[in-house]
Amino acid sequence: MSGDRTTAVLLIACREQKGLVAAVSDFLFRHNGNITHADQHTDLQEDVFLQRVEWELRGFAVPRDGIAEAFRPLAERLQMTWSLHFSDERPRVALFVSKLPHCLFDLLARWRLGELRADIPLVISNHDDARPVAESFGVPFHCLAVSAQTKARQEERIAGLIAGERIDLIVLARYMQVLSAPFVEEYRDRIINIHHSFLPAFAGARPYHQAHERGVKVIGATAHYATPELDQGPIIVQDVARVSHRDAVDDLVRIGRELEKVVLARAVELHLRRRVIVYGNKTAVFD
């Protein structure tokens, strides 16, 4: 993105109170900010105000490296939880995969086409099956086999790779290993998982077989942030497809994998574009 089109993005969450929109708008107005996108939502049940506001850096009176410090007094006065981002940033993303490569291939293809504004410096797997996919896109592949005896040691190696590459986001692209609670906490709201069902139905092994046995009419996929509580994290994107008695298990698998690819890619894109605010165990998605 050219320098004169670079924008700044504030993501804000705080207790609902009067004057919040006016306060943020006034801050930007006083510093000659031109707002290009603003959206907000109030969760009345949770008494939480959420806002995403984006403005041009061109002509803004506060230097880029001084915006956070300039905004901090207002944020502290209103007890805001907030983060500041810039549109020309390229987050560094690690992709985790096991044996099934469909989500990995789809994400790497979108990245190669420029649809995902990020850098992908590595792929991590507990099997060697997806190595040809990663290498075909020129991305280093690290196979760290996991067993009950090696799990803790391998996770330490994974943590070292992630830290060494300064990773901002981890994407579990059908990575069929449970990460430890300390690891997940270290990257809270920065690990996106794709679940092969419309949560919470048919969780666990062989979900499409379970669905077929129940004669379901809809199957789905869910992308969510990982938390120490397995498959219970804040949901970012979900989608469903209609099926019928005419669909065999293989049909459900094919349809489900297509959903998984689309839902995961959408969730990753929204995160990279700073369109998601996590609050409690929910998300607000401004798109």
C-alpha atoms as a PDB file:
ATOM      1  CA  MET A   1       0.000   0.000   0.000  1.00  0.00           C
ATOM      2  CA  SER A   2       1.432   3.392  -0.981  1.00  0.00           C
ATOM      3  CA  GLY A   3       2.455   5.691   1.853  1.00  0.00           C
ATOM      4  CA  ASP A   4      -0.165   8.354   1.145  1.00  0.00           C
ATOM      5  CA  ARG A   5      -2.961   5.773   1.555  1.00  0.00           C
ATOM      6  CA  THR A   6      -1.761   4.321   4.839  1.00  0.00           C
ATOM      7  CA  THR A   7      -4.359   4.311   7.573  1.00  0.00           C
ATOM      8  CA  ALA A   8      -4.351   3.822  11.337  1.00  0.00           C
ATOM      9  CA  VAL A   9      -6.901   1.618  13.107  1.00  0.00           C
ATOM     10  CA  LEU A  10      -8.055   1.794  16.708  1.00  0.00           C
ATOM     11  CA  LEU A  11      -9.877  -1.166  18.245  1.00  0.00           C
ATOM     12  CA  ILE A  12     -11.625  -0.155  21.463  1.00  0.00           C
ATOM     13  CA  ALA A  13     -13.603  -1.918  24.187  1.00  0.00           C
ATOM     14  CA  CYS A  14     -14.840  -0.400  27.439  1.00  0.00           C
ATOM     15  CA  ARG A  15     -17.799  -0.069  29.763  1.00  0.00           C
ATOM     16  CA  GLU A  16     -20.778   1.583  28.096  1.00  0.00           C
ATOM     17  CA  GLN A  17     -21.024   5.278  29.015  1.00  0.00           C
ATOM     18  CA  LYS A  18     -22.154   8.548  27.473  1.00  0.00           C
ATOM     19  CA  GLY A  19     -19.951  10.437  25.055  1.00  0.00           C
ATOM     20  CA  LEU A  20     -17.671   7.627  23.869  1.00  0.00           C
ATOM     21  CA  VAL A  21     -18.171   8.141  20.136  1.00  0.00           C
ATOM     22  CA  ALA A  22     -17.873  11.905  20.575  1.00  0.00           C
ATOM     23  CA  ALA A  23     -14.674  11.578  22.608  1.00  0.00           C
ATOM     24  CA  VAL A  24     -12.885   9.428  20.021  1.00  0.00           C
ATOM     25  CA  SER A  25     -14.142  11.543  17.116  1.00  0.00           C
ATOM     26  CA  ASP A  26     -13.033  14.715  18.879  1.00  0.00           C
ATOM     27  CA  PHE A  27      -9.546  13.290  19.440  1.00  0.00           C
ATOM     28  CA  LEU A  28      -9.207  12.618  15.712  1.00  0.00           C
ATOM     29  CA  PHE A  29     -10.782  15.931  14.699  1.00  0.00           C
ATOM     30  CA  ARG A  30      -8.477  17.962  16.939  1.00  0.00           C
ATOM     31  CA  HIS A  31      -5.491  16.332  15.270  1.00  0.00           C
ATOM     32  CA  ASN A  32      -6.814  16.799  11.725  1.00  0.00           C
ATOM     33  CA  GLY A  33      -7.726  13.146  11.208  1.00  0.00           C
ATOM     34  CA  ASN A  34      -9.827  12.118   8.204  1.00  0.00           C
ATOM     35  CA  ILE A  35     -11.947   9.116   9.241  1.00  0.00           C
ATOM     36  CA  THR A  36     -12.387   6.545   6.459  1.00  0.00           C
ATOM     37  CA  HIS A  37     -14.310   3.929   8.431  1.00  0.00           C
ATOM     38  CA  ALA A  38     -16.039   3.948  11.801  1.00  0.00           C
ATOM     39  CA  ASP A  39     -18.348   1.423  13.340  1.00  0.00           C
ATOM     40  CA  GLN A  40     -19.441   0.655  16.871  1.00  0.00           C
ATOM     41  CA  HIS A  41     -21.658  -1.683  18.806  1.00  0.00           C
ATOM     42  CA  THR A  42     -23.016  -1.740  22.342  1.00  0.00           C
ATOM     43  CA  ASP A  43     -23.652  -5.101  23.949  1.00  0.00           C
ATOM     44  CA  LEU A  44     -26.424  -4.083  26.331  1.00  0.00           C
ATOM     45  CA  GLN A  45     -26.427  -7.405  28.165  1.00  0.00           C
ATOM     46  CA  GLU A  46     -22.699  -7.174  28.867  1.00  0.00           C
ATOM     47  CA  ASP A  47     -22.720  -3.351  29.237  1.00  0.00           C
ATOM     48  CA  VAL A  48     -19.777  -3.184  26.826  1.00  0.00           C
ATOM     49  CA  PHE A  49     -19.050  -0.591  24.137  1.00  0.00           C
ATOM     50  CA  LEU A  50     -17.001  -1.705  21.125  1.00  0.00           C
ATOM     51  CA  GLN A  51     -15.619   0.466  18.355  1.00  0.00           C
ATOM     52  CA  ARG A  52     -13.400   0.208  15.304  1.00  0.00           C
ATOM     53  CA  VAL A  53     -12.267   3.497  13.802  1.00  0.00           C
ATOM     54  CA  GLU A  54      -9.864   3.942  10.868  1.00  0.00           C
ATOM     55  CA  TRP A  55      -8.358   7.184   9.572  1.00  0.00           C
ATOM     56  CA  GLU A  56      -5.755   8.413   7.099  1.00  0.00           C
ATOM     57  CA  LEU A  57      -2.253   9.127   8.339  1.00  0.00           C
ATOM     58  CA  ARG A  58      -1.769  11.663   5.584  1.00  0.00           C
ATOM     59  CA  GLY A  59      -2.289  15.087   7.135  1.00  0.00           C
ATOM     60  CA  PHE A  60      -2.695  13.733  10.675  1.00  0.00           C
ATOM     61  CA  ALA A  61      -1.062  16.162  13.103  1.00  0.00           C
ATOM     62  CA  VAL A  62       0.399  13.514  15.397  1.00  0.00           C
ATOM     63  CA  PRO A  63       3.422  11.549  14.105  1.00  0.00           C
ATOM     64  CA  ARG A  64       2.807   7.863  13.621  1.00  0.00           C
ATOM     65  CA  ASP A  65       5.088   6.857  16.489  1.00  0.00           C
ATOM     66  CA  GLY A  66       3.371   9.319  18.819  1.00  0.00           C
ATOM     67  CA  ILE A  67      -0.279   8.341  18.272  1.00  0.00           C
ATOM     68  CA  ALA A  68      -0.425   5.737  21.037  1.00  0.00           C
ATOM     69  CA  GLU A  69       1.034   8.134  23.601  1.00  0.00           C
ATOM     70  CA  ALA A  70      -1.324  10.902  22.499  1.00  0.00           C
ATOM     71  CA  PHE A  71      -4.379   8.641  22.785  1.00  0.00           C
ATOM     72  CA  ARG A  72      -3.419   7.055  26.111  1.00  0.00           C
ATOM     73  CA  PRO A  73      -4.780   9.806  28.444  1.00  0.00           C
ATOM     74  CA  LEU A  74      -8.217   9.573  26.831  1.00  0.00           C
ATOM     75  CA  ALA A  75      -8.158   5.778  26.982  1.00  0.00           C
ATOM     76  CA  GLU A  76      -7.182   5.802  30.654  1.00  0.00           C
ATOM     77  CA  ARG A  77      -9.844   8.352  31.553  1.00  0.00           C
ATOM     78  CA  LEU A  78     -12.548   6.216  29.943  1.00  0.00           C
ATOM     79  CA  GLN A  79     -10.973   2.920  31.101  1.00  0.00           C
ATOM     80  CA  MET A  80     -10.609   1.569  27.580  1.00  0.00           C
ATOM     81  CA  THR A  81      -8.965  -1.629  26.467  1.00  0.00           C
ATOM     82  CA  TRP A  82      -7.511  -0.670  23.096  1.00  0.00           C
ATOM     83  CA  SER A  83      -4.971  -1.471  20.411  1.00  0.00           C
ATOM     84  CA  LEU A  84      -3.500   0.572  17.574  1.00  0.00           C
ATOM     85  CA  HIS A  85      -2.588  -0.827  14.154  1.00  0.00           C
ATOM     86  CA  PHE A  86      -1.463   0.445  10.752  1.00  0.00           C
ATOM     87  CA  SER A  87      -2.607  -0.735   7.343  1.00  0.00           C
ATOM     88  CA  ASP A  88       0.908  -1.087   5.939  1.00  0.00           C
ATOM     89  CA  GLU A  89       1.928  -3.565   8.640  1.00  0.00           C
ATOM     90  CA  ARG A  90       2.519  -7.138   7.503  1.00  0.00           C
ATOM     91  CA  PRO A  91       1.745  -9.515  10.380  1.00  0.00           C
ATOM     92  CA  ARG A  92       3.892 -12.630  10.513  1.00  0.00           C
ATOM     93  CA  VAL A  93       1.801 -15.806  10.380  1.00  0.00           C
ATOM     94  CA  ALA A  94       2.700 -19.405  11.233  1.00  0.00           C
ATOM     95  CA  LEU A  95       0.587 -22.182   9.741  1.00  0.00           C
ATOM     96  CA  PHE A  96       0.176 -25.444  11.677  1.00  0.00           C
ATOM     97  CA  VAL A  97      -1.051 -28.569   9.896  1.00  0.00           C
ATOM     98  CA  SER A  98      -1.188 -32.339  10.412  1.00  0.00           C
ATOM     99  CA  LYS A  99      -2.009 -34.726   7.553  1.00  0.00           C
ATOM    100  CA  LEU A 100      -4.943 -33.096   5.742  1.00  0.00           C
ATOM    101  CA  PRO A 101      -3.527 -30.291   3.541  1.00  0.00           C
ATOM    102  CA  HIS A 102      -6.675 -28.664   2.100  1.00  0.00           C
ATOM    103  CA  CYS A 103      -6.751 -25.655   4.436  1.00  0.00           C
ATOM    104  CA  LEU A 104      -2.970 -25.209   4.222  1.00  0.00           C
ATOM    105  CA  PHE A 105      -3.014 -25.263   0.424  1.00  0.00           C
ATOM    106  CA  ASP A 106      -5.914 -22.818   0.282  1.00  0.00           C
ATOM    107  CA  LEU A 107      -4.268 -20.313   2.653  1.00  0.00           C
ATOM    108  CA  LEU A 108      -0.941 -20.472   0.845  1.00  0.00           C
ATOM    109  CA  ALA A 109      -2.677 -19.990  -2.523  1.00  0.00           C
ATOM    110  CA  ARG A 110      -4.545 -16.937  -1.236  1.00  0.00           C
ATOM    111  CA  TRP A 111      -1.304 -15.610   0.226  1.00  0.00           C
ATOM    112  CA  ARG A 112       0.528 -16.127  -3.087  1.00  0.00           C
ATOM    113  CA  LEU A 113      -2.291 -14.269  -4.882  1.00  0.00           C
ATOM    114  CA  GLY A 114      -1.969 -11.342  -2.474  1.00  0.00           C
ATOM    115  CA  GLU A 115      -5.346 -11.881  -0.821  1.00  0.00           C
ATOM    116  CA  LEU A 116      -3.788 -12.215   2.641  1.00  0.00           C
ATOM    117  CA  ARG A 117      -1.607  -9.265   3.577  1.00  0.00           C
ATOM    118  CA  ALA A 118       0.932 -11.059   5.737  1.00  0.00           C
ATOM    119  CA  ASP A 119       4.276 -12.823   5.729  1.00  0.00           C
ATOM    120  CA  ILE A 120       4.314 -16.604   6.215  1.00  0.00           C
ATOM    121  CA  PRO A 121       7.836 -17.588   7.277  1.00  0.00           C
ATOM    122  CA  LEU A 122       7.124 -21.187   8.277  1.00  0.00           C
ATOM    123  CA  VAL A 123       4.771 -24.159   8.373  1.00  0.00           C
ATOM    124  CA  ILE A 124       4.845 -26.465  11.404  1.00  0.00           C
ATOM    125  CA  SER A 125       3.488 -30.009  11.376  1.00  0.00           C
ATOM    126  CA  ASN A 126       3.538 -33.181  13.417  1.00  0.00           C
ATOM    127  CA  HIS A 127       3.625 -35.238  10.193  1.00  0.00           C
ATOM    128  CA  ASP A 128       5.655 -34.986   7.008  1.00  0.00           C
ATOM    129  CA  ASP A 129       2.681 -35.365   4.644  1.00  0.00           C
ATOM    130  CA  ALA A 130       2.224 -31.645   3.883  1.00  0.00           C
ATOM    131  CA  ARG A 131       5.881 -30.900   3.226  1.00  0.00           C
ATOM    132  CA  PRO A 132       5.476 -30.895  -0.594  1.00  0.00           C
ATOM    133  CA  VAL A 133       2.646 -28.347  -0.313  1.00  0.00           C
ATOM    134  CA  ALA A 134       4.671 -25.930   1.798  1.00  0.00           C
ATOM    135  CA  GLU A 135       7.799 -26.335  -0.276  1.00  0.00           C
ATOM    136  CA  SER A 136       5.885 -25.759  -3.522  1.00  0.00           C
ATOM    137  CA  PHE A 137       5.122 -22.263  -2.191  1.00  0.00           C
ATOM    138  CA  GLY A 138       8.679 -21.731  -1.002  1.00  0.00           C
ATOM    139  CA  VAL A 139       7.765 -21.758   2.694  1.00  0.00           C
ATOM    140  CA  PRO A 140      10.100 -23.557   5.144  1.00  0.00           C
ATOM    141  CA  PHE A 141       8.503 -26.687   6.607  1.00  0.00           C
ATOM    142  CA  HIS A 142       9.275 -27.977  10.114  1.00  0.00           C
ATOM    143  CA  CYS A 143       8.165 -31.494  11.011  1.00  0.00           C
ATOM    144  CA  LEU A 144       8.052 -32.023  14.769  1.00  0.00           C
ATOM    145  CA  ALA A 145       6.535 -35.437  15.439  1.00  0.00           C
ATOM    146  CA  VAL A 146       4.545 -35.594  18.668  1.00  0.00           C
ATOM    147  CA  SER A 147       3.987 -38.517  21.020  1.00  0.00           C
ATOM    148  CA  ALA A 148       2.990 -38.703  24.653  1.00  0.00           C
ATOM    149  CA  GLN A 149       6.674 -38.912  25.561  1.00  0.00           C
ATOM    150  CA  THR A 150       7.857 -36.056  23.320  1.00  0.00           C
ATOM    151  CA  LYS A 151       4.894 -33.663  23.490  1.00  0.00           C
ATOM    152  CA  ALA A 152       6.329 -31.249  26.071  1.00  0.00           C
ATOM    153  CA  ARG A 153       9.778 -31.169  24.448  1.00  0.00           C
ATOM    154  CA  GLN A 154       8.342 -30.653  20.953  1.00  0.00           C
ATOM    155  CA  GLU A 155       6.129 -27.811  22.149  1.00  0.00           C
ATOM    156  CA  GLU A 156       9.224 -26.124  23.569  1.00  0.00           C
ATOM    157  CA  ARG A 157      10.844 -26.423  20.140  1.00  0.00           C
ATOM    158  CA  ILE A 158       7.687 -25.016  18.526  1.00  0.00           C
ATOM    159  CA  ALA A 159       7.708 -22.091  20.960  1.00  0.00           C
ATOM    160  CA  GLY A 160      11.330 -21.420  20.056  1.00  0.00           C
ATOM    161  CA  LEU A 161      10.531 -21.375  16.332  1.00  0.00           C
ATOM    162  CA  ILE A 162       7.574 -19.069  16.885  1.00  0.00           C
ATOM    163  CA  ALA A 163       9.595 -16.663  19.005  1.00  0.00           C
ATOM    164  CA  GLY A 164      12.543 -16.743  16.601  1.00  0.00           C
ATOM    165  CA  GLU A 165      10.323 -15.804  13.672  1.00  0.00           C
ATOM    166  CA  ARG A 166       8.505 -13.070  15.688  1.00  0.00           C
ATOM    167  CA  ILE A 167       5.128 -14.619  14.861  1.00  0.00           C
ATOM    168  CA  ASP A 168       2.030 -12.453  15.339  1.00  0.00           C
ATOM    169  CA  LEU A 169      -0.645 -15.016  14.438  1.00  0.00           C
ATOM    170  CA  ILE A 170      -0.830 -18.807  14.556  1.00  0.00           C
ATOM    171  CA  VAL A 171      -3.330 -20.559  12.285  1.00  0.00           C
ATOM    172  CA  LEU A 172      -4.266 -24.150  13.081  1.00  0.00           C
ATOM    173  CA  ALA A 173      -5.040 -25.312   9.553  1.00  0.00           C
ATOM    174  CA  ARG A 174      -6.287 -28.752  10.654  1.00  0.00           C
ATOM    175  CA  TYR A 175      -3.495 -29.271  13.191  1.00  0.00           C
ATOM    176  CA  MET A 176      -4.706 -32.286  15.128  1.00  0.00           C
ATOM    177  CA  GLN A 177      -2.746 -31.761  18.325  1.00  0.00           C
ATOM    178  CA  VAL A 178      -3.931 -30.103  21.534  1.00  0.00           C
ATOM    179  CA  LEU A 179      -1.656 -27.234  22.532  1.00  0.00           C
ATOM    180  CA  SER A 180      -0.900 -26.804  26.217  1.00  0.00           C
ATOM    181  CA  ALA A 181      -2.744 -24.206  28.274  1.00  0.00           C
ATOM    182  CA  PRO A 182       0.407 -22.097  28.906  1.00  0.00           C
ATOM    183  CA  PHE A 183       1.178 -21.999  25.177  1.00  0.00           C
ATOM    184  CA  VAL A 184      -2.377 -20.959  24.300  1.00  0.00           C
ATOM    185  CA  GLU A 185      -2.392 -18.294  27.019  1.00  0.00           C
ATOM    186  CA  GLU A 186       0.863 -16.871  25.677  1.00  0.00           C
ATOM    187  CA  TYR A 187      -0.856 -16.293  22.324  1.00  0.00           C
ATOM    188  CA  ARG A 188      -4.379 -15.566  23.539  1.00  0.00           C
ATOM    189  CA  ASP A 189      -6.548 -14.117  20.741  1.00  0.00           C
ATOM    190  CA  ARG A 190      -3.696 -14.840  18.323  1.00  0.00           C
ATOM    191  CA  ILE A 191      -4.382 -18.518  17.564  1.00  0.00           C
ATOM    192  CA  ILE A 192      -7.156 -19.247  15.059  1.00  0.00           C
ATOM    193  CA  ASN A 193      -8.527 -22.778  14.811  1.00  0.00           C
ATOM    194  CA  ILE A 194     -10.889 -24.318  12.274  1.00  0.00           C
ATOM    195  CA  HIS A 195     -13.373 -26.779  13.682  1.00  0.00           C
ATOM    196  CA  HIS A 196     -14.944 -29.350  11.398  1.00  0.00           C
ATOM    197  CA  SER A 197     -18.504 -28.745  12.557  1.00  0.00           C
ATOM    198  CA  PHE A 198     -20.982 -26.041  13.385  1.00  0.00           C
ATOM    199  CA  LEU A 199     -20.014 -25.873  17.047  1.00  0.00           C
ATOM    200  CA  PRO A 200     -20.902 -27.412  19.367  1.00  0.00           C
ATOM    201  CA  ALA A 201     -22.601 -30.224  17.423  1.00  0.00           C
ATOM    202  CA  PHE A 202     -20.723 -33.404  16.509  1.00  0.00           C
ATOM    203  CA  ALA A 203     -17.478 -32.493  18.217  1.00  0.00           C
ATOM    204  CA  GLY A 204     -14.733 -35.088  18.444  1.00  0.00           C
ATOM    205  CA  ALA A 205     -13.740 -37.894  16.125  1.00  0.00           C
ATOM    206  CA  ARG A 206     -15.406 -38.760  12.787  1.00  0.00           C
ATOM    207  CA  PRO A 207     -17.822 -35.799  12.788  1.00  0.00           C
ATOM    208  CA  TYR A 208     -19.102 -36.433   9.265  1.00  0.00           C
ATOM    209  CA  HIS A 209     -19.858 -40.050  10.113  1.00  0.00           C
ATOM    210  CA  GLN A 210     -21.778 -38.869  13.177  1.00  0.00           C
ATOM    211  CA  ALA A 211     -23.660 -36.378  11.028  1.00  0.00           C
ATOM    212  CA  HIS A 212     -24.493 -39.007   8.437  1.00  0.00           C
ATOM    213  CA  GLU A 213     -25.765 -41.409  11.061  1.00  0.00           C
ATOM    214  CA  ARG A 214     -28.076 -38.691  12.397  1.00  0.00           C
ATOM    215  CA  GLY A 215     -29.357 -37.799   8.926  1.00  0.00           C
ATOM    216  CA  VAL A 216     -28.488 -34.125   9.297  1.00  0.00           C
ATOM    217  CA  LYS A 217     -29.771 -31.562   6.813  1.00  0.00           C
ATOM    218  CA  VAL A 218     -27.086 -28.945   7.500  1.00  0.00           C
ATOM    219  CA  ILE A 219     -23.356 -29.286   8.107  1.00  0.00           C
ATOM    220  CA  GLY A 220     -20.992 -26.474   8.961  1.00  0.00           C
ATOM    221  CA  ALA A 221     -17.571 -25.229   9.974  1.00  0.00           C
ATOM    222  CA  THR A 222     -16.468 -22.862  12.726  1.00  0.00           C
ATOM    223  CA  ALA A 223     -13.347 -20.696  12.961  1.00  0.00           C
ATOM    224  CA  HIS A 224     -12.576 -19.489  16.460  1.00  0.00           C
ATOM    225  CA  TYR A 225      -9.758 -18.260  18.651  1.00  0.00           C
ATOM    226  CA  ALA A 226      -8.148 -21.048  20.646  1.00  0.00           C
ATOM    227  CA  THR A 227      -8.442 -21.042  24.422  1.00  0.00           C
ATOM    228  CA  PRO A 228      -7.269 -23.528  27.065  1.00  0.00           C
ATOM    229  CA  GLU A 229     -10.844 -24.873  27.069  1.00  0.00           C
ATOM    230  CA  LEU A 230     -10.838 -27.046  23.973  1.00  0.00           C
ATOM    231  CA  ASP A 231     -13.138 -25.819  21.155  1.00  0.00           C
ATOM    232  CA  GLN A 232     -14.764 -23.239  23.424  1.00  0.00           C
ATOM    233  CA  GLY A 233     -13.018 -20.066  22.229  1.00  0.00           C
ATOM    234  CA  PRO A 234     -14.574 -16.889  20.786  1.00  0.00           C
ATOM    235  CA  ILE A 235     -16.135 -17.593  17.393  1.00  0.00           C
ATOM    236  CA  ILE A 236     -15.042 -15.454  14.431  1.00  0.00           C
ATOM    237  CA  VAL A 237     -16.782 -17.005  11.401  1.00  0.00           C
ATOM    238  CA  GLN A 238     -19.263 -19.829  10.839  1.00  0.00           C
ATOM    239  CA  ASP A 239     -20.968 -21.124   7.726  1.00  0.00           C
ATOM    240  CA  VAL A 240     -23.231 -24.002   6.773  1.00  0.00           C
ATOM    241  CA  ALA A 241     -24.241 -26.004   3.717  1.00  0.00           C
ATOM    242  CA  ARG A 242     -27.489 -27.878   3.172  1.00  0.00           C
ATOM    243  CA  VAL A 243     -27.264 -31.623   2.633  1.00  0.00           C
ATOM    244  CA  SER A 244     -29.841 -34.349   2.215  1.00  0.00           C
ATOM    245  CA  HIS A 245     -30.464 -38.050   2.488  1.00  0.00           C
ATOM    246  CA  ARG A 246     -28.904 -38.411  -0.958  1.00  0.00           C
ATOM    247  CA  ASP A 247     -25.463 -37.389   0.332  1.00  0.00           C
ATOM    248  CA  ALA A 248     -23.104 -40.178   1.372  1.00  0.00           C
ATOM    249  CA  VAL A 249     -20.322 -39.766   3.930  1.00  0.00           C
ATOM    250  CA  ASP A 250     -17.848 -38.942   1.141  1.00  0.00           C
ATOM    251  CA  ASP A 251     -20.148 -36.161  -0.026  1.00  0.00           C
ATOM    252  CA  LEU A 252     -20.338 -34.717   3.478  1.00  0.00           C
ATOM    253  CA  VAL A 253     -16.558 -34.844   3.792  1.00  0.00           C
ATOM    254  CA  ARG A 254     -16.109 -33.050   0.465  1.00  0.00           C
ATOM    255  CA  ILE A 255     -18.681 -30.374   1.269  1.00  0.00           C
ATOM    256  CA  GLY A 256     -17.338 -29.975   4.795  1.00  0.00           C
ATOM    257  CA  ARG A 257     -13.753 -29.514   3.666  1.00  0.00           C
ATOM    258  CA  GLU A 258     -14.824 -26.831   1.224  1.00  0.00           C
ATOM    259  CA  LEU A 259     -16.582 -25.036   4.077  1.00  0.00           C
ATOM    260  CA  GLU A 260     -13.505 -25.389   6.285  1.00  0.00           C
ATOM    261  CA  LYS A 261     -11.301 -23.711   3.686  1.00  0.00           C
ATOM    262  CA  VAL A 262     -13.630 -20.769   3.132  1.00  0.00           C
ATOM    263  CA  VAL A 263     -14.449 -20.208   6.804  1.00  0.00           C
ATOM    264  CA  LEU A 264     -10.833 -20.388   7.954  1.00  0.00           C
ATOM    265  CA  ALA A 265      -9.598 -18.083   5.202  1.00  0.00           C
ATOM    266  CA  ARG A 266     -12.330 -15.577   6.031  1.00  0.00           C
ATOM    267  CA  ALA A 267     -11.424 -15.605   9.718  1.00  0.00           C
ATOM    268  CA  VAL A 268      -7.730 -15.114   8.982  1.00  0.00           C
ATOM    269  CA  GLU A 269      -8.495 -12.262   6.591  1.00  0.00           C
ATOM    270  CA  LEU A 270     -10.706 -10.510   9.155  1.00  0.00           C
ATOM    271  CA  HIS A 271      -8.026 -10.815  11.817  1.00  0.00           C
ATOM    272  CA  LEU A 272      -5.303  -9.499   9.515  1.00  0.00           C
ATOM    273  CA  ARG A 273      -7.492  -6.554   8.510  1.00  0.00           C
ATOM    274  CA  ARG A 274      -8.063  -5.727  12.196  1.00  0.00           C
ATOM    275  CA  ARG A 275     -11.802  -6.244  11.938  1.00  0.00           C
ATOM    276  CA  VAL A 276     -12.259  -8.377  15.071  1.00  0.00           C
ATOM    277  CA  ILE A 277     -12.579  -7.335  18.716  1.00  0.00           C
ATOM    278  CA  VAL A 278     -12.635 -10.051  21.373  1.00  0.00           C
ATOM    279  CA  TYR A 279     -14.541  -9.380  24.572  1.00  0.00           C
ATOM    280  CA  GLY A 280     -15.263 -12.060  27.112  1.00  0.00           C
ATOM    281  CA  ASN A 281     -15.800 -15.223  25.125  1.00  0.00           C
ATOM    282  CA  LYS A 282     -17.387 -13.442  22.171  1.00  0.00           C
ATOM    283  CA  THR A 283     -16.271 -11.354  19.223  1.00  0.00           C
ATOM    284  CA  ALA A 284     -17.552  -8.309  17.431  1.00  0.00           C
ATOM    285  CA  VAL A 285     -16.697  -8.493  13.706  1.00  0.00           C
ATOM    286  CA  PHE A 286     -16.794  -5.124  11.925  1.00  0.00           C
ATOM    287  CA  ASP A 287     -16.945  -5.713   8.197  1.00  0.00           C
END
